[in-house]
Amino acid sequence: MISIDEELCKGCYICVESCPKKVFRISKGLNKKGIYPSAVGNIEDCNYCGICEIICPDQSIAVKK
């Protein structure tokens, strides 16, 4: 399972660009800060490597198998 705290996400999209399986996408809805946060798109492709959790500067991503 991958969870994203949309209110912590600042929209840098490092996770979108860094994910080797292209699991992330940009959300279509704004968060309270007026930012389009990252969102999980293709969870079935995820191999739970944890790169997204490690690389996120906002610590808004949690990965649990």
PDB file of N, CA and C in Angstrom:
ATOM      1  N   MET A   1       0.839  -1.173   0.000  1.00  0.00           N
ATOM      2  CA  MET A   1       0.000   0.000   0.000  1.00  0.00           C
ATOM      3  C   MET A   1       0.891   1.245   0.000  1.00  0.00           C
ATOM      4  N   ILE A   2       0.502   2.214  -0.771  1.00  0.00           N
ATOM      5  CA  ILE A   2       1.186   3.502  -0.795  1.00  0.00           C
ATOM      6  C   ILE A   2       0.174   4.557  -0.387  1.00  0.00           C
ATOM      7  N   SER A   3       0.550   5.366   0.585  1.00  0.00           N
ATOM      8  CA  SER A   3      -0.339   6.461   0.972  1.00  0.00           C
ATOM      9  C   SER A   3       0.406   7.782   0.822  1.00  0.00           C
ATOM     10  N   ILE A   4      -0.342   8.780   0.371  1.00  0.00           N
ATOM     11  CA  ILE A   4       0.202  10.122   0.192  1.00  0.00           C
ATOM     12  C   ILE A   4      -0.620  11.080   1.036  1.00  0.00           C
ATOM     13  N   ASP A   5       0.060  11.827   1.882  1.00  0.00           N
ATOM     14  CA  ASP A   5      -0.616  12.887   2.635  1.00  0.00           C
ATOM     15  C   ASP A   5      -0.667  14.095   1.705  1.00  0.00           C
ATOM     16  N   GLU A   6      -1.815  14.289   1.087  1.00  0.00           N
ATOM     17  CA  GLU A   6      -1.952  15.341   0.078  1.00  0.00           C
ATOM     18  C   GLU A   6      -1.729  16.740   0.636  1.00  0.00           C
ATOM     19  N   GLU A   7      -1.954  16.921   1.925  1.00  0.00           N
ATOM     20  CA  GLU A   7      -1.758  18.244   2.519  1.00  0.00           C
ATOM     21  C   GLU A   7      -0.280  18.550   2.765  1.00  0.00           C
ATOM     22  N   LEU A   8       0.547  17.521   2.914  1.00  0.00           N
ATOM     23  CA  LEU A   8       1.993  17.725   3.062  1.00  0.00           C
ATOM     24  C   LEU A   8       2.687  17.895   1.712  1.00  0.00           C
ATOM     25  N   CYS A   9       2.111  17.329   0.680  1.00  0.00           N
ATOM     26  CA  CYS A   9       2.714  17.371  -0.654  1.00  0.00           C
ATOM     27  C   CYS A   9       2.756  18.802  -1.173  1.00  0.00           C
ATOM     28  N   LYS A  10       3.946  19.207  -1.634  1.00  0.00           N
ATOM     29  CA  LYS A  10       4.128  20.561  -2.171  1.00  0.00           C
ATOM     30  C   LYS A  10       4.186  20.575  -3.696  1.00  0.00           C
ATOM     31  N   GLY A  11       3.938  19.433  -4.311  1.00  0.00           N
ATOM     32  CA  GLY A  11       3.869  19.385  -5.767  1.00  0.00           C
ATOM     33  C   GLY A  11       5.198  19.450  -6.486  1.00  0.00           C
ATOM     34  N   CYS A  12       6.246  18.897  -5.910  1.00  0.00           N
ATOM     35  CA  CYS A  12       7.542  18.892  -6.597  1.00  0.00           C
ATOM     36  C   CYS A  12       7.583  17.815  -7.686  1.00  0.00           C
ATOM     37  N   TYR A  13       6.770  16.780  -7.527  1.00  0.00           N
ATOM     38  CA  TYR A  13       6.630  15.674  -8.483  1.00  0.00           C
ATOM     39  C   TYR A  13       7.904  14.862  -8.668  1.00  0.00           C
ATOM     40  N   ILE A  14       8.779  14.901  -7.677  1.00  0.00           N
ATOM     41  CA  ILE A  14       9.980  14.060  -7.728  1.00  0.00           C
ATOM     42  C   ILE A  14       9.577  12.589  -7.767  1.00  0.00           C
ATOM     43  N   CYS A  15       8.535  12.237  -7.043  1.00  0.00           N
ATOM     44  CA  CYS A  15       8.073  10.846  -7.035  1.00  0.00           C
ATOM     45  C   CYS A  15       7.560  10.428  -8.413  1.00  0.00           C
ATOM     46  N   VAL A  16       6.856  11.327  -9.086  1.00  0.00           N
ATOM     47  CA  VAL A  16       6.327  11.044 -10.422  1.00  0.00           C
ATOM     48  C   VAL A  16       7.479  10.745 -11.385  1.00  0.00           C
ATOM     49  N   GLU A  17       8.535  11.526 -11.302  1.00  0.00           N
ATOM     50  CA  GLU A  17       9.663  11.373 -12.214  1.00  0.00           C
ATOM     51  C   GLU A  17      10.624  10.259 -11.803  1.00  0.00           C
ATOM     52  N   SER A  18      10.675   9.921 -10.512  1.00  0.00           N
ATOM     53  CA  SER A  18      11.659   8.960 -10.012  1.00  0.00           C
ATOM     54  C   SER A  18      11.167   7.523  -9.970  1.00  0.00           C
ATOM     55  N   CYS A  19       9.882   7.317  -9.978  1.00  0.00           N
ATOM     56  CA  CYS A  19       9.339   5.961  -9.841  1.00  0.00           C
ATOM     57  C   CYS A  19       9.696   5.115 -11.064  1.00  0.00           C
ATOM     58  N   PRO A  20      10.418   4.002 -10.851  1.00  0.00           N
ATOM     59  CA  PRO A  20      10.806   3.167 -11.986  1.00  0.00           C
ATOM     60  C   PRO A  20       9.619   2.480 -12.658  1.00  0.00           C
ATOM     61  N   LYS A  21       8.513   2.350 -11.948  1.00  0.00           N
ATOM     62  CA  LYS A  21       7.321   1.687 -12.491  1.00  0.00           C
ATOM     63  C   LYS A  21       6.231   2.666 -12.917  1.00  0.00           C
ATOM     64  N   LYS A  22       6.498   3.966 -12.776  1.00  0.00           N
ATOM     65  CA  LYS A  22       5.542   5.017 -13.174  1.00  0.00           C
ATOM     66  C   LYS A  22       4.185   4.853 -12.488  1.00  0.00           C
ATOM     67  N   VAL A  23       4.236   4.641 -11.174  1.00  0.00           N
ATOM     68  CA  VAL A  23       3.031   4.437 -10.370  1.00  0.00           C
ATOM     69  C   VAL A  23       2.306   5.750 -10.094  1.00  0.00           C
ATOM     70  N   PHE A  24       3.036   6.855 -10.053  1.00  0.00           N
ATOM     71  CA  PHE A  24       2.444   8.129  -9.641  1.00  0.00           C
ATOM     72  C   PHE A  24       1.965   8.968 -10.817  1.00  0.00           C
ATOM     73  N   ARG A  25       1.020   9.828 -10.505  1.00  0.00           N
ATOM     74  CA  ARG A  25       0.498  10.795 -11.468  1.00  0.00           C
ATOM     75  C   ARG A  25       0.242  12.091 -10.713  1.00  0.00           C
ATOM     76  N   ILE A  26      -0.123  13.125 -11.407  1.00  0.00           N
ATOM     77  CA  ILE A  26      -0.482  14.394 -10.775  1.00  0.00           C
ATOM     78  C   ILE A  26      -1.990  14.403 -10.571  1.00  0.00           C
ATOM     79  N   SER A  27      -2.407  14.713  -9.367  1.00  0.00           N
ATOM     80  CA  SER A  27      -3.829  14.728  -9.026  1.00  0.00           C
ATOM     81  C   SER A  27      -4.580  15.765  -9.851  1.00  0.00           C
ATOM     82  N   LYS A  28      -5.854  15.501 -10.082  1.00  0.00           N
ATOM     83  CA  LYS A  28      -6.701  16.453 -10.802  1.00  0.00           C
ATOM     84  C   LYS A  28      -7.349  17.463  -9.864  1.00  0.00           C
ATOM     85  N   GLY A  29      -7.237  17.204  -8.547  1.00  0.00           N
ATOM     86  CA  GLY A  29      -7.826  18.106  -7.568  1.00  0.00           C
ATOM     87  C   GLY A  29      -6.774  18.850  -6.770  1.00  0.00           C
ATOM     88  N   LEU A  30      -7.099  20.049  -6.360  1.00  0.00           N
ATOM     89  CA  LEU A  30      -6.188  20.868  -5.560  1.00  0.00           C
ATOM     90  C   LEU A  30      -6.261  20.487  -4.086  1.00  0.00           C
ATOM     91  N   ASN A  31      -5.133  20.631  -3.383  1.00  0.00           N
ATOM     92  CA  ASN A  31      -5.159  20.482  -1.932  1.00  0.00           C
ATOM     93  C   ASN A  31      -5.452  21.847  -1.308  1.00  0.00           C
ATOM     94  N   LYS A  32      -5.413  21.932   0.006  1.00  0.00           N
ATOM     95  CA  LYS A  32      -5.751  23.184   0.694  1.00  0.00           C
ATOM     96  C   LYS A  32      -4.766  24.313   0.404  1.00  0.00           C
ATOM     97  N   LYS A  33      -3.566  23.948  -0.063  1.00  0.00           N
ATOM     98  CA  LYS A  33      -2.552  24.957  -0.400  1.00  0.00           C
ATOM     99  C   LYS A  33      -2.708  25.465  -1.832  1.00  0.00           C
ATOM    100  N   GLY A  34      -3.665  24.898  -2.564  1.00  0.00           N
ATOM    101  CA  GLY A  34      -3.854  25.285  -3.956  1.00  0.00           C
ATOM    102  C   GLY A  34      -2.888  24.612  -4.906  1.00  0.00           C
ATOM    103  N   ILE A  35      -2.375  23.454  -4.497  1.00  0.00           N
ATOM    104  CA  ILE A  35      -1.390  22.702  -5.275  1.00  0.00           C
ATOM    105  C   ILE A  35      -2.026  21.398  -5.741  1.00  0.00           C
ATOM    106  N   TYR A  36      -1.668  20.973  -6.940  1.00  0.00           N
ATOM    107  CA  TYR A  36      -2.074  19.655  -7.416  1.00  0.00           C
ATOM    108  C   TYR A  36      -1.070  18.645  -6.851  1.00  0.00           C
ATOM    109  N   PRO A  37      -1.442  17.875  -5.830  1.00  0.00           N
ATOM    110  CA  PRO A  37      -0.492  16.941  -5.231  1.00  0.00           C
ATOM    111  C   PRO A  37      -0.276  15.710  -6.110  1.00  0.00           C
ATOM    112  N   SER A  38       0.749  14.968  -5.789  1.00  0.00           N
ATOM    113  CA  SER A  38       0.966  13.682  -6.444  1.00  0.00           C
ATOM    114  C   SER A  38      -0.123  12.724  -5.986  1.00  0.00           C
ATOM    115  N   ALA A  39      -0.408  11.749  -6.836  1.00  0.00           N
ATOM    116  CA  ALA A  39      -1.420  10.749  -6.519  1.00  0.00           C
ATOM    117  C   ALA A  39      -0.944   9.395  -7.029  1.00  0.00           C
ATOM    118  N   VAL A  40      -1.464   8.340  -6.434  1.00  0.00           N
ATOM    119  CA  VAL A  40      -1.149   6.989  -6.884  1.00  0.00           C
ATOM    120  C   VAL A  40      -2.060   6.677  -8.064  1.00  0.00           C
ATOM    121  N   GLY A  41      -1.460   6.254  -9.161  1.00  0.00           N
ATOM    122  CA  GLY A  41      -2.240   5.945 -10.349  1.00  0.00           C
ATOM    123  C   GLY A  41      -2.288   4.461 -10.663  1.00  0.00           C
ATOM    124  N   ASN A  42      -1.141   3.837 -10.841  1.00  0.00           N
ATOM    125  CA  ASN A  42      -1.055   2.436 -11.267  1.00  0.00           C
ATOM    126  C   ASN A  42      -0.493   1.559 -10.157  1.00  0.00           C
ATOM    127  N   ILE A  43      -1.222   1.427  -9.064  1.00  0.00           N
ATOM    128  CA  ILE A  43      -0.726   0.677  -7.901  1.00  0.00           C
ATOM    129  C   ILE A  43      -0.402  -0.773  -8.250  1.00  0.00           C
ATOM    130  N   GLU A  44      -1.086  -1.343  -9.220  1.00  0.00           N
ATOM    131  CA  GLU A  44      -0.826  -2.737  -9.588  1.00  0.00           C
ATOM    132  C   GLU A  44       0.563  -2.920 -10.196  1.00  0.00           C
ATOM    133  N   ASP A  45       1.176  -1.853 -10.665  1.00  0.00           N
ATOM    134  CA  ASP A  45       2.527  -1.930 -11.226  1.00  0.00           C
ATOM    135  C   ASP A  45       3.624  -1.750 -10.176  1.00  0.00           C
ATOM    136  N   CYS A  46       3.258  -1.347  -8.977  1.00  0.00           N
ATOM    137  CA  CYS A  46       4.230  -1.050  -7.924  1.00  0.00           C
ATOM    138  C   CYS A  46       4.950  -2.313  -7.454  1.00  0.00           C
ATOM    139  N   ASN A  47       6.269  -2.210  -7.280  1.00  0.00           N
ATOM    140  CA  ASN A  47       7.045  -3.320  -6.720  1.00  0.00           C
ATOM    141  C   ASN A  47       7.493  -3.021  -5.284  1.00  0.00           C
ATOM    142  N   TYR A  48       6.973  -1.930  -4.712  1.00  0.00           N
ATOM    143  CA  TYR A  48       7.220  -1.539  -3.314  1.00  0.00           C
ATOM    144  C   TYR A  48       8.705  -1.383  -3.002  1.00  0.00           C
ATOM    145  N   CYS A  49       9.433  -0.792  -3.930  1.00  0.00           N
ATOM    146  CA  CYS A  49      10.872  -0.582  -3.737  1.00  0.00           C
ATOM    147  C   CYS A  49      11.162   0.490  -2.687  1.00  0.00           C
ATOM    148  N   GLY A  50      10.223   1.422  -2.481  1.00  0.00           N
ATOM    149  CA  GLY A  50      10.388   2.453  -1.459  1.00  0.00           C
ATOM    150  C   GLY A  50      11.147   3.691  -1.900  1.00  0.00           C
ATOM    151  N   ILE A  51      11.530   3.762  -3.166  1.00  0.00           N
ATOM    152  CA  ILE A  51      12.255   4.936  -3.655  1.00  0.00           C
ATOM    153  C   ILE A  51      11.454   6.208  -3.411  1.00  0.00           C
ATOM    154  N   CYS A  52      10.169   6.155  -3.670  1.00  0.00           N
ATOM    155  CA  CYS A  52       9.318   7.344  -3.510  1.00  0.00           C
ATOM    156  C   CYS A  52       9.316   7.851  -2.072  1.00  0.00           C
ATOM    157  N   GLU A  53       9.239   6.927  -1.126  1.00  0.00           N
ATOM    158  CA  GLU A  53       9.227   7.299   0.291  1.00  0.00           C
ATOM    159  C   GLU A  53      10.559   7.924   0.702  1.00  0.00           C
ATOM    160  N   ILE A  54      11.635   7.373   0.214  1.00  0.00           N
ATOM    161  CA  ILE A  54      12.974   7.869   0.546  1.00  0.00           C
ATOM    162  C   ILE A  54      13.235   9.236  -0.079  1.00  0.00           C
ATOM    163  N   ILE A  55      12.823   9.419  -1.318  1.00  0.00           N
ATOM    164  CA  ILE A  55      13.175  10.622  -2.073  1.00  0.00           C
ATOM    165  C   ILE A  55      12.253  11.808  -1.799  1.00  0.00           C
ATOM    166  N   CYS A  56      11.082  11.579  -1.236  1.00  0.00           N
ATOM    167  CA  CYS A  56      10.115  12.663  -1.013  1.00  0.00           C
ATOM    168  C   CYS A  56      10.644  13.668   0.012  1.00  0.00           C
ATOM    169  N   PRO A  57      10.870  14.925  -0.404  1.00  0.00           N
ATOM    170  CA  PRO A  57      11.405  15.922   0.521  1.00  0.00           C
ATOM    171  C   PRO A  57      10.394  16.380   1.577  1.00  0.00           C
ATOM    172  N   ASP A  58       9.116  16.110   1.329  1.00  0.00           N
ATOM    173  CA  ASP A  58       8.065  16.532   2.261  1.00  0.00           C
ATOM    174  C   ASP A  58       7.633  15.424   3.209  1.00  0.00           C
ATOM    175  N   GLN A  59       8.201  14.230   3.038  1.00  0.00           N
ATOM    176  CA  GLN A  59       7.834  13.052   3.828  1.00  0.00           C
ATOM    177  C   GLN A  59       6.324  12.824   3.789  1.00  0.00           C
ATOM    178  N   SER A  60       5.756  12.983   2.608  1.00  0.00           N
ATOM    179  CA  SER A  60       4.313  12.821   2.459  1.00  0.00           C
ATOM    180  C   SER A  60       3.919  11.445   1.935  1.00  0.00           C
ATOM    181  N   ILE A  61       4.904  10.587   1.665  1.00  0.00           N
ATOM    182  CA  ILE A  61       4.629   9.261   1.113  1.00  0.00           C
ATOM    183  C   ILE A  61       5.035   8.186   2.110  1.00  0.00           C
ATOM    184  N   ALA A  62       4.147   7.200   2.284  1.00  0.00           N
ATOM    185  CA  ALA A  62       4.437   6.039   3.124  1.00  0.00           C
ATOM    186  C   ALA A  62       4.184   4.782   2.295  1.00  0.00           C
ATOM    187  N   VAL A  63       5.134   3.852   2.328  1.00  0.00           N
ATOM    188  CA  VAL A  63       5.024   2.597   1.588  1.00  0.00           C
ATOM    189  C   VAL A  63       4.978   1.453   2.585  1.00  0.00           C
ATOM    190  N   LYS A  64       3.957   0.619   2.453  1.00  0.00           N
ATOM    191  CA  LYS A  64       3.810  -0.567   3.307  1.00  0.00           C
ATOM    192  C   LYS A  64       3.411  -1.736   2.430  1.00  0.00           C
ATOM    193  N   LYS A  65       4.111  -2.847   2.577  1.00  0.00           N
ATOM    194  CA  LYS A  65       3.763  -4.054   1.803  1.00  0.00           C
ATOM    195  C   LYS A  65       2.559  -4.733   2.385  1.00  0.00           C
TER     196      LYS A  65
END
